[in-house]
Amino acid sequence: RARFGWRGKRAVAVLYTGSVLLLLGYVGSRFVLEV
């Protein structure tokens, strides 16, 4: 966004991808261990 001016669907897709990875990081790993 800062260098190339990413906007719209491309930027949102990257945001969703990062959020899913973050969710898998702690919540996903703990869900597997605990449940």
PDB file of all heavy atoms in Angstrom:
ATOM      1  N   ARG A   1       0.833  -1.210   0.000  1.00  0.00           N
ATOM      2  CA  ARG A   1       0.000   0.000   0.000  1.00  0.00           C
ATOM      3  C   ARG A   1       0.865   1.257   0.000  1.00  0.00           C
ATOM      4  O   ARG A   1       0.560   2.230  -0.694  1.00  0.00           O
ATOM      5  CB  ARG A   1      -0.931   0.004   1.216  1.00  0.00           C
ATOM      6  CG  ARG A   1      -2.157  -0.858   1.039  1.00  0.00           C
ATOM      7  CD  ARG A   1      -3.103  -0.705   2.208  1.00  0.00           C
ATOM      8  NE  ARG A   1      -3.490   0.691   2.415  1.00  0.00           N
ATOM      9  CZ  ARG A   1      -4.425   1.321   1.707  1.00  0.00           C
ATOM     10  NH1 ARG A   1      -5.053   0.695   0.738  1.00  0.00           N
ATOM     11  NH2 ARG A   1      -4.735   2.586   1.989  1.00  0.00           N
ATOM     12  N   ALA A   2       1.941   1.216   0.778  1.00  0.00           N
ATOM     13  CA  ALA A   2       2.783   2.414   0.880  1.00  0.00           C
ATOM     14  C   ALA A   2       3.607   2.641  -0.382  1.00  0.00           C
ATOM     15  O   ALA A   2       3.787   3.781  -0.827  1.00  0.00           O
ATOM     16  CB  ALA A   2       3.708   2.287   2.095  1.00  0.00           C
ATOM     17  N   ARG A   3       4.098   1.552  -0.976  1.00  0.00           N
ATOM     18  CA  ARG A   3       5.013   1.674  -2.117  1.00  0.00           C
ATOM     19  C   ARG A   3       4.294   1.618  -3.467  1.00  0.00           C
ATOM     20  O   ARG A   3       4.641   2.350  -4.398  1.00  0.00           O
ATOM     21  CB  ARG A   3       6.058   0.561  -2.036  1.00  0.00           C
ATOM     22  CG  ARG A   3       7.149   0.636  -3.091  1.00  0.00           C
ATOM     23  CD  ARG A   3       8.083   1.806  -2.828  1.00  0.00           C
ATOM     24  NE  ARG A   3       9.106   1.891  -3.863  1.00  0.00           N
ATOM     25  CZ  ARG A   3      10.274   1.269  -3.815  1.00  0.00           C
ATOM     26  NH1 ARG A   3      10.581   0.504  -2.764  1.00  0.00           N
ATOM     27  NH2 ARG A   3      11.169   1.408  -4.775  1.00  0.00           N
ATOM     28  N   PHE A   4       3.290   0.747  -3.558  1.00  0.00           N
ATOM     29  CA  PHE A   4       2.653   0.506  -4.857  1.00  0.00           C
ATOM     30  C   PHE A   4       1.183   0.919  -4.896  1.00  0.00           C
ATOM     31  O   PHE A   4       0.525   0.715  -5.913  1.00  0.00           O
ATOM     32  CB  PHE A   4       2.784  -0.971  -5.242  1.00  0.00           C
ATOM     33  CG  PHE A   4       4.194  -1.471  -5.223  1.00  0.00           C
ATOM     34  CD1 PHE A   4       4.619  -2.347  -4.244  1.00  0.00           C
ATOM     35  CD2 PHE A   4       5.119  -1.054  -6.182  1.00  0.00           C
ATOM     36  CE1 PHE A   4       5.920  -2.812  -4.209  1.00  0.00           C
ATOM     37  CE2 PHE A   4       6.424  -1.512  -6.163  1.00  0.00           C
ATOM     38  CZ  PHE A   4       6.841  -2.384  -5.175  1.00  0.00           C
ATOM     39  N   GLY A   5       0.689   1.445  -3.783  1.00  0.00           N
ATOM     40  CA  GLY A   5      -0.683   1.929  -3.769  1.00  0.00           C
ATOM     41  C   GLY A   5      -1.744   0.854  -3.885  1.00  0.00           C
ATOM     42  O   GLY A   5      -2.803   1.071  -4.476  1.00  0.00           O
ATOM     43  N   TRP A   6      -1.493  -0.333  -3.298  1.00  0.00           N
ATOM     44  CA  TRP A   6      -2.473  -1.411  -3.367  1.00  0.00           C
ATOM     45  C   TRP A   6      -3.794  -0.968  -2.755  1.00  0.00           C
ATOM     46  O   TRP A   6      -3.837  -0.396  -1.663  1.00  0.00           O
ATOM     47  CB  TRP A   6      -1.975  -2.634  -2.613  1.00  0.00           C
ATOM     48  CG  TRP A   6      -0.889  -3.368  -3.318  1.00  0.00           C
ATOM     49  CD1 TRP A   6      -0.316  -3.056  -4.516  1.00  0.00           C
ATOM     50  CD2 TRP A   6      -0.235  -4.549  -2.855  1.00  0.00           C
ATOM     51  NE1 TRP A   6       0.654  -3.954  -4.843  1.00  0.00           N
ATOM     52  CE2 TRP A   6       0.727  -4.901  -3.837  1.00  0.00           C
ATOM     53  CE3 TRP A   6      -0.366  -5.348  -1.732  1.00  0.00           C
ATOM     54  CZ2 TRP A   6       1.558  -6.006  -3.704  1.00  0.00           C
ATOM     55  CZ3 TRP A   6       0.450  -6.445  -1.587  1.00  0.00           C
ATOM     56  CH2 TRP A   6       1.402  -6.777  -2.571  1.00  0.00           C
ATOM     57  N   ARG A   7      -4.891  -1.280  -3.443  1.00  0.00           N
ATOM     58  CA  ARG A   7      -6.219  -0.942  -2.958  1.00  0.00           C
ATOM     59  C   ARG A   7      -7.196  -2.009  -3.417  1.00  0.00           C
ATOM     60  O   ARG A   7      -6.849  -2.895  -4.201  1.00  0.00           O
ATOM     61  CB  ARG A   7      -6.666   0.428  -3.493  1.00  0.00           C
ATOM     62  CG  ARG A   7      -5.790   1.582  -3.077  1.00  0.00           C
ATOM     63  CD  ARG A   7      -6.313   2.895  -3.629  1.00  0.00           C
ATOM     64  NE  ARG A   7      -7.619   3.220  -3.084  1.00  0.00           N
ATOM     65  CZ  ARG A   7      -8.313   4.297  -3.427  1.00  0.00           C
ATOM     66  NH1 ARG A   7      -7.829   5.133  -4.333  1.00  0.00           N
ATOM     67  NH2 ARG A   7      -9.489   4.541  -2.884  1.00  0.00           N
ATOM     68  N   GLY A   8      -8.425  -1.887  -2.969  1.00  0.00           N
ATOM     69  CA  GLY A   8      -9.492  -2.733  -3.475  1.00  0.00           C
ATOM     70  C   GLY A   8      -9.331  -4.204  -3.124  1.00  0.00           C
ATOM     71  O   GLY A   8      -8.815  -4.579  -2.072  1.00  0.00           O
ATOM     72  N   LYS A   9      -9.762  -5.056  -4.060  1.00  0.00           N
ATOM     73  CA  LYS A   9      -9.844  -6.490  -3.800  1.00  0.00           C
ATOM     74  C   LYS A   9      -8.478  -7.117  -3.539  1.00  0.00           C
ATOM     75  O   LYS A   9      -8.360  -8.052  -2.745  1.00  0.00           O
ATOM     76  CB  LYS A   9     -10.518  -7.187  -4.981  1.00  0.00           C
ATOM     77  CG  LYS A   9     -11.998  -6.835  -5.128  1.00  0.00           C
ATOM     78  CD  LYS A   9     -12.636  -7.600  -6.265  1.00  0.00           C
ATOM     79  CE  LYS A   9     -14.115  -7.275  -6.378  1.00  0.00           C
ATOM     80  NZ  LYS A   9     -14.772  -8.021  -7.483  1.00  0.00           N
ATOM     81  N   ARG A  10      -7.432  -6.625  -4.217  1.00  0.00           N
ATOM     82  CA  ARG A  10      -6.105  -7.203  -3.988  1.00  0.00           C
ATOM     83  C   ARG A  10      -5.669  -7.013  -2.550  1.00  0.00           C
ATOM     84  O   ARG A  10      -5.230  -7.968  -1.887  1.00  0.00           O
ATOM     85  CB  ARG A  10      -5.088  -6.574  -4.933  1.00  0.00           C
ATOM     86  CG  ARG A  10      -3.649  -7.009  -4.633  1.00  0.00           C
ATOM     87  CD  ARG A  10      -2.630  -6.221  -5.412  1.00  0.00           C
ATOM     88  NE  ARG A  10      -2.713  -6.504  -6.849  1.00  0.00           N
ATOM     89  CZ  ARG A  10      -1.911  -5.932  -7.741  1.00  0.00           C
ATOM     90  NH1 ARG A  10      -1.004  -5.044  -7.359  1.00  0.00           N
ATOM     91  NH2 ARG A  10      -2.024  -6.246  -9.014  1.00  0.00           N
ATOM     92  N   ALA A  11      -5.786  -5.790  -2.044  1.00  0.00           N
ATOM     93  CA  ALA A  11      -5.365  -5.519  -0.670  1.00  0.00           C
ATOM     94  C   ALA A  11      -6.230  -6.273   0.327  1.00  0.00           C
ATOM     95  O   ALA A  11      -5.723  -6.814   1.323  1.00  0.00           O
ATOM     96  CB  ALA A  11      -5.422  -4.011  -0.402  1.00  0.00           C
ATOM     97  N   VAL A  12      -7.531  -6.329   0.080  1.00  0.00           N
ATOM     98  CA  VAL A  12      -8.428  -7.039   0.994  1.00  0.00           C
ATOM     99  C   VAL A  12      -8.111  -8.526   1.013  1.00  0.00           C
ATOM    100  O   VAL A  12      -8.140  -9.169   2.069  1.00  0.00           O
ATOM    101  CB  VAL A  12      -9.894  -6.794   0.592  1.00  0.00           C
ATOM    102  CG1 VAL A  12     -10.830  -7.728   1.360  1.00  0.00           C
ATOM    103  CG2 VAL A  12     -10.281  -5.347   0.859  1.00  0.00           C
ATOM    104  N   ALA A  13      -7.785  -9.095  -0.156  1.00  0.00           N
ATOM    105  CA  ALA A  13      -7.435 -10.513  -0.211  1.00  0.00           C
ATOM    106  C   ALA A  13      -6.193 -10.809   0.626  1.00  0.00           C
ATOM    107  O   ALA A  13      -6.130 -11.827   1.334  1.00  0.00           O
ATOM    108  CB  ALA A  13      -7.215 -10.942  -1.663  1.00  0.00           C
ATOM    109  N   VAL A  14      -5.200  -9.916   0.571  1.00  0.00           N
ATOM    110  CA  VAL A  14      -3.992 -10.103   1.383  1.00  0.00           C
ATOM    111  C   VAL A  14      -4.331  -9.972   2.869  1.00  0.00           C
ATOM    112  O   VAL A  14      -3.816 -10.726   3.708  1.00  0.00           O
ATOM    113  CB  VAL A  14      -2.903  -9.095   0.970  1.00  0.00           C
ATOM    114  CG1 VAL A  14      -1.662  -9.269   1.842  1.00  0.00           C
ATOM    115  CG2 VAL A  14      -2.531  -9.272  -0.491  1.00  0.00           C
ATOM    116  N   LEU A  15      -5.210  -9.027   3.206  1.00  0.00           N
ATOM    117  CA  LEU A  15      -5.639  -8.857   4.596  1.00  0.00           C
ATOM    118  C   LEU A  15      -6.325 -10.117   5.109  1.00  0.00           C
ATOM    119  O   LEU A  15      -6.035 -10.591   6.218  1.00  0.00           O
ATOM    120  CB  LEU A  15      -6.587  -7.656   4.700  1.00  0.00           C
ATOM    121  CG  LEU A  15      -7.334  -7.485   6.027  1.00  0.00           C
ATOM    122  CD1 LEU A  15      -6.372  -7.340   7.195  1.00  0.00           C
ATOM    123  CD2 LEU A  15      -8.290  -6.299   5.954  1.00  0.00           C
ATOM    124  N   TYR A  16      -7.235 -10.667   4.327  1.00  0.00           N
ATOM    125  CA  TYR A  16      -7.923 -11.890   4.735  1.00  0.00           C
ATOM    126  C   TYR A  16      -6.935 -13.052   4.894  1.00  0.00           C
ATOM    127  O   TYR A  16      -7.044 -13.848   5.838  1.00  0.00           O
ATOM    128  CB  TYR A  16      -8.993 -12.264   3.710  1.00  0.00           C
ATOM    129  CG  TYR A  16     -10.223 -11.381   3.735  1.00  0.00           C
ATOM    130  CD1 TYR A  16     -11.090 -11.343   2.645  1.00  0.00           C
ATOM    131  CD2 TYR A  16     -10.524 -10.595   4.838  1.00  0.00           C
ATOM    132  CE1 TYR A  16     -12.232 -10.546   2.656  1.00  0.00           C
ATOM    133  CE2 TYR A  16     -11.649  -9.788   4.860  1.00  0.00           C
ATOM    134  CZ  TYR A  16     -12.503  -9.768   3.764  1.00  0.00           C
ATOM    135  OH  TYR A  16     -13.617  -8.977   3.782  1.00  0.00           O
ATOM    136  N   THR A  17      -5.981 -13.149   3.981  1.00  0.00           N
ATOM    137  CA  THR A  17      -4.985 -14.226   4.060  1.00  0.00           C
ATOM    138  C   THR A  17      -4.163 -14.121   5.342  1.00  0.00           C
ATOM    139  O   THR A  17      -3.964 -15.112   6.059  1.00  0.00           O
ATOM    140  CB  THR A  17      -4.049 -14.180   2.842  1.00  0.00           C
ATOM    141  OG1 THR A  17      -4.813 -14.325   1.640  1.00  0.00           O
ATOM    142  CG2 THR A  17      -3.010 -15.291   2.913  1.00  0.00           C
ATOM    143  N   GLY A  18      -3.665 -12.909   5.642  1.00  0.00           N
ATOM    144  CA  GLY A  18      -2.899 -12.720   6.871  1.00  0.00           C
ATOM    145  C   GLY A  18      -3.716 -13.015   8.109  1.00  0.00           C
ATOM    146  O   GLY A  18      -3.210 -13.588   9.084  1.00  0.00           O
ATOM    147  N   SER A  19      -5.005 -12.631   8.097  1.00  0.00           N
ATOM    148  CA  SER A  19      -5.866 -12.863   9.262  1.00  0.00           C
ATOM    149  C   SER A  19      -6.111 -14.352   9.486  1.00  0.00           C
ATOM    150  O   SER A  19      -6.122 -14.822  10.632  1.00  0.00           O
ATOM    151  CB  SER A  19      -7.198 -12.129   9.067  1.00  0.00           C
ATOM    152  OG  SER A  19      -6.999 -10.741   8.936  1.00  0.00           O
ATOM    153  N   VAL A  20      -6.300 -15.105   8.400  1.00  0.00           N
ATOM    154  CA  VAL A  20      -6.485 -16.552   8.536  1.00  0.00           C
ATOM    155  C   VAL A  20      -5.216 -17.200   9.084  1.00  0.00           C
ATOM    156  O   VAL A  20      -5.283 -18.064   9.974  1.00  0.00           O
ATOM    157  CB  VAL A  20      -6.868 -17.170   7.178  1.00  0.00           C
ATOM    158  CG1 VAL A  20      -6.816 -18.696   7.248  1.00  0.00           C
ATOM    159  CG2 VAL A  20      -8.261 -16.716   6.760  1.00  0.00           C
ATOM    160  N   LEU A  21      -4.056 -16.792   8.587  1.00  0.00           N
ATOM    161  CA  LEU A  21      -2.799 -17.337   9.091  1.00  0.00           C
ATOM    162  C   LEU A  21      -2.620 -17.018  10.576  1.00  0.00           C
ATOM    163  O   LEU A  21      -2.167 -17.865  11.357  1.00  0.00           O
ATOM    164  CB  LEU A  21      -1.624 -16.776   8.285  1.00  0.00           C
ATOM    165  CG  LEU A  21      -1.505 -17.277   6.845  1.00  0.00           C
ATOM    166  CD1 LEU A  21      -0.438 -16.461   6.097  1.00  0.00           C
ATOM    167  CD2 LEU A  21      -1.152 -18.757   6.816  1.00  0.00           C
ATOM    168  N   LEU A  22      -2.971 -15.793  10.960  1.00  0.00           N
ATOM    169  CA  LEU A  22      -2.851 -15.408  12.369  1.00  0.00           C
ATOM    170  C   LEU A  22      -3.803 -16.227  13.232  1.00  0.00           C
ATOM    171  O   LEU A  22      -3.450 -16.647  14.339  1.00  0.00           O
ATOM    172  CB  LEU A  22      -3.143 -13.917  12.521  1.00  0.00           C
ATOM    173  CG  LEU A  22      -2.980 -13.335  13.927  1.00  0.00           C
ATOM    174  CD1 LEU A  22      -1.537 -13.483  14.404  1.00  0.00           C
ATOM    175  CD2 LEU A  22      -3.391 -11.870  13.954  1.00  0.00           C
ATOM    176  N   LEU A  23      -5.014 -16.440  12.731  1.00  0.00           N
ATOM    177  CA  LEU A  23      -5.990 -17.241  13.468  1.00  0.00           C
ATOM    178  C   LEU A  23      -5.488 -18.670  13.653  1.00  0.00           C
ATOM    179  O   LEU A  23      -5.649 -19.266  14.726  1.00  0.00           O
ATOM    180  CB  LEU A  23      -7.324 -17.249  12.725  1.00  0.00           C
ATOM    181  CG  LEU A  23      -8.533 -17.782  13.491  1.00  0.00           C
ATOM    182  CD1 LEU A  23      -8.862 -16.862  14.658  1.00  0.00           C
ATOM    183  CD2 LEU A  23      -9.735 -17.903  12.567  1.00  0.00           C
ATOM    184  N   LEU A  24      -4.861 -19.209  12.624  1.00  0.00           N
ATOM    185  CA  LEU A  24      -4.301 -20.564  12.726  1.00  0.00           C
ATOM    186  C   LEU A  24      -3.126 -20.612  13.694  1.00  0.00           C
ATOM    187  O   LEU A  24      -2.858 -21.662  14.304  1.00  0.00           O
ATOM    188  CB  LEU A  24      -3.850 -21.052  11.346  1.00  0.00           C
ATOM    189  CG  LEU A  24      -4.955 -21.351  10.335  1.00  0.00           C
ATOM    190  CD1 LEU A  24      -4.351 -21.648   8.972  1.00  0.00           C
ATOM    191  CD2 LEU A  24      -5.832 -22.503  10.802  1.00  0.00           C
ATOM    192  N   GLY A  25      -2.430 -19.467  13.848  1.00  0.00           N
ATOM    193  CA  GLY A  25      -1.230 -19.442  14.676  1.00  0.00           C
ATOM    194  C   GLY A  25      -1.478 -19.850  16.104  1.00  0.00           C
ATOM    195  O   GLY A  25      -0.940 -20.869  16.573  1.00  0.00           O
ATOM    196  N   TYR A  26      -2.301 -19.102  16.845  1.00  0.00           N
ATOM    197  CA  TYR A  26      -2.562 -19.461  18.240  1.00  0.00           C
ATOM    198  C   TYR A  26      -3.869 -20.227  18.385  1.00  0.00           C
ATOM    199  O   TYR A  26      -3.905 -21.337  18.915  1.00  0.00           O
ATOM    200  CB  TYR A  26      -2.596 -18.220  19.133  1.00  0.00           C
ATOM    201  CG  TYR A  26      -2.822 -18.581  20.586  1.00  0.00           C
ATOM    202  CD1 TYR A  26      -1.749 -18.976  21.378  1.00  0.00           C
ATOM    203  CD2 TYR A  26      -4.099 -18.574  21.148  1.00  0.00           C
ATOM    204  CE1 TYR A  26      -1.943 -19.352  22.707  1.00  0.00           C
ATOM    205  CE2 TYR A  26      -4.307 -18.947  22.464  1.00  0.00           C
ATOM    206  CZ  TYR A  26      -3.227 -19.334  23.243  1.00  0.00           C
ATOM    207  OH  TYR A  26      -3.417 -19.716  24.544  1.00  0.00           O
ATOM    208  N   VAL A  27      -4.955 -19.643  17.880  1.00  0.00           N
ATOM    209  CA  VAL A  27      -6.268 -20.257  18.060  1.00  0.00           C
ATOM    210  C   VAL A  27      -6.313 -21.641  17.420  1.00  0.00           C
ATOM    211  O   VAL A  27      -6.797 -22.608  18.028  1.00  0.00           O
ATOM    212  CB  VAL A  27      -7.370 -19.351  17.480  1.00  0.00           C
ATOM    213  CG1 VAL A  27      -8.721 -20.063  17.481  1.00  0.00           C
ATOM    214  CG2 VAL A  27      -7.467 -18.067  18.286  1.00  0.00           C
ATOM    215  N   GLY A  28      -5.804 -21.749  16.190  1.00  0.00           N
ATOM    216  CA  GLY A  28      -5.839 -23.038  15.516  1.00  0.00           C
ATOM    217  C   GLY A  28      -5.021 -24.100  16.215  1.00  0.00           C
ATOM    218  O   GLY A  28      -5.478 -25.232  16.419  1.00  0.00           O
ATOM    219  N   SER A  29      -3.796 -23.743  16.598  1.00  0.00           N
ATOM    220  CA  SER A  29      -2.931 -24.728  17.256  1.00  0.00           C
ATOM    221  C   SER A  29      -3.481 -25.129  18.621  1.00  0.00           C
ATOM    222  O   SER A  29      -3.442 -26.301  19.001  1.00  0.00           O
ATOM    223  CB  SER A  29      -1.508 -24.180  17.390  1.00  0.00           C
ATOM    224  OG  SER A  29      -1.491 -23.011  18.200  1.00  0.00           O
ATOM    225  N   ARG A  30      -4.013 -24.150  19.367  1.00  0.00           N
ATOM    226  CA  ARG A  30      -4.583 -24.476  20.679  1.00  0.00           C
ATOM    227  C   ARG A  30      -5.858 -25.296  20.553  1.00  0.00           C
ATOM    228  O   ARG A  30      -6.135 -26.159  21.387  1.00  0.00           O
ATOM    229  CB  ARG A  30      -4.867 -23.190  21.455  1.00  0.00           C
ATOM    230  CG  ARG A  30      -3.650 -22.406  21.868  1.00  0.00           C
ATOM    231  CD  ARG A  30      -2.726 -23.189  22.764  1.00  0.00           C
ATOM    232  NE  ARG A  30      -3.373 -23.711  23.954  1.00  0.00           N
ATOM    233  CZ  ARG A  30      -2.745 -24.375  24.916  1.00  0.00           C
ATOM    234  NH1 ARG A  30      -1.450 -24.606  24.809  1.00  0.00           N
ATOM    235  NH2 ARG A  30      -3.391 -24.817  25.961  1.00  0.00           N
ATOM    236  N   PHE A  31      -6.651 -25.039  19.497  1.00  0.00           N
ATOM    237  CA  PHE A  31      -7.867 -25.833  19.282  1.00  0.00           C
ATOM    238  C   PHE A  31      -7.497 -27.301  19.062  1.00  0.00           C
ATOM    239  O   PHE A  31      -8.138 -28.209  19.614  1.00  0.00           O
ATOM    240  CB  PHE A  31      -8.631 -25.300  18.073  1.00  0.00           C
ATOM    241  CG  PHE A  31      -9.813 -26.152  17.681  1.00  0.00           C
ATOM    242  CD1 PHE A  31     -11.019 -26.037  18.356  1.00  0.00           C
ATOM    243  CD2 PHE A  31      -9.710 -27.068  16.645  1.00  0.00           C
ATOM    244  CE1 PHE A  31     -12.102 -26.819  18.006  1.00  0.00           C
ATOM    245  CE2 PHE A  31     -10.790 -27.865  16.291  1.00  0.00           C
ATOM    246  CZ  PHE A  31     -11.992 -27.737  16.973  1.00  0.00           C
ATOM    247  N   VAL A  32      -6.479 -27.546  18.252  1.00  0.00           N
ATOM    248  CA  VAL A  32      -6.044 -28.917  18.000  1.00  0.00           C
ATOM    249  C   VAL A  32      -5.574 -29.573  19.296  1.00  0.00           C
ATOM    250  O   VAL A  32      -5.941 -30.717  19.609  1.00  0.00           O
ATOM    251  CB  VAL A  32      -4.933 -28.943  16.935  1.00  0.00           C
ATOM    252  CG1 VAL A  32      -4.338 -30.339  16.824  1.00  0.00           C
ATOM    253  CG2 VAL A  32      -5.473 -28.490  15.593  1.00  0.00           C
ATOM    254  N   LEU A  33      -4.767 -28.846  20.080  1.00  0.00           N
ATOM    255  CA  LEU A  33      -4.234 -29.418  21.319  1.00  0.00           C
ATOM    256  C   LEU A  33      -5.336 -29.664  22.353  1.00  0.00           C
ATOM    257  O   LEU A  33      -5.421 -30.737  22.948  1.00  0.00           O
ATOM    258  CB  LEU A  33      -3.178 -28.482  21.906  1.00  0.00           C
ATOM    259  CG  LEU A  33      -1.820 -28.439  21.211  1.00  0.00           C
ATOM    260  CD1 LEU A  33      -0.953 -27.343  21.806  1.00  0.00           C
ATOM    261  CD2 LEU A  33      -1.117 -29.776  21.316  1.00  0.00           C
ATOM    262  N   GLU A  34      -6.201 -28.658  22.551  1.00  0.00           N
ATOM    263  CA  GLU A  34      -7.174 -28.740  23.638  1.00  0.00           C
ATOM    264  C   GLU A  34      -8.367 -29.626  23.301  1.00  0.00           C
ATOM    265  O   GLU A  34      -8.861 -30.367  24.160  1.00  0.00           O
ATOM    266  CB  GLU A  34      -7.682 -27.331  23.990  1.00  0.00           C
ATOM    267  CG  GLU A  34      -6.632 -26.416  24.571  1.00  0.00           C
ATOM    268  CD  GLU A  34      -7.152 -25.006  24.763  1.00  0.00           C
ATOM    269  OE1 GLU A  34      -8.371 -24.835  24.871  1.00  0.00           O
ATOM    270  OE2 GLU A  34      -6.325 -24.056  24.780  1.00  0.00           O
ATOM    271  N   VAL A  35      -8.854 -29.543  22.061  1.00  0.00           N
ATOM    272  CA  VAL A  35     -10.092 -30.230  21.709  1.00  0.00           C
ATOM    273  C   VAL A  35      -9.824 -31.558  21.000  1.00  0.00           C
ATOM    274  O   VAL A  35     -10.350 -32.605  21.399  1.00  0.00           O
ATOM    275  CB  VAL A  35     -10.974 -29.321  20.828  1.00  0.00           C
ATOM    276  CG1 VAL A  35     -12.262 -30.046  20.451  1.00  0.00           C
ATOM    277  CG2 VAL A  35     -11.300 -28.035  21.571  1.00  0.00           C
TER     278      VAL A  35
END
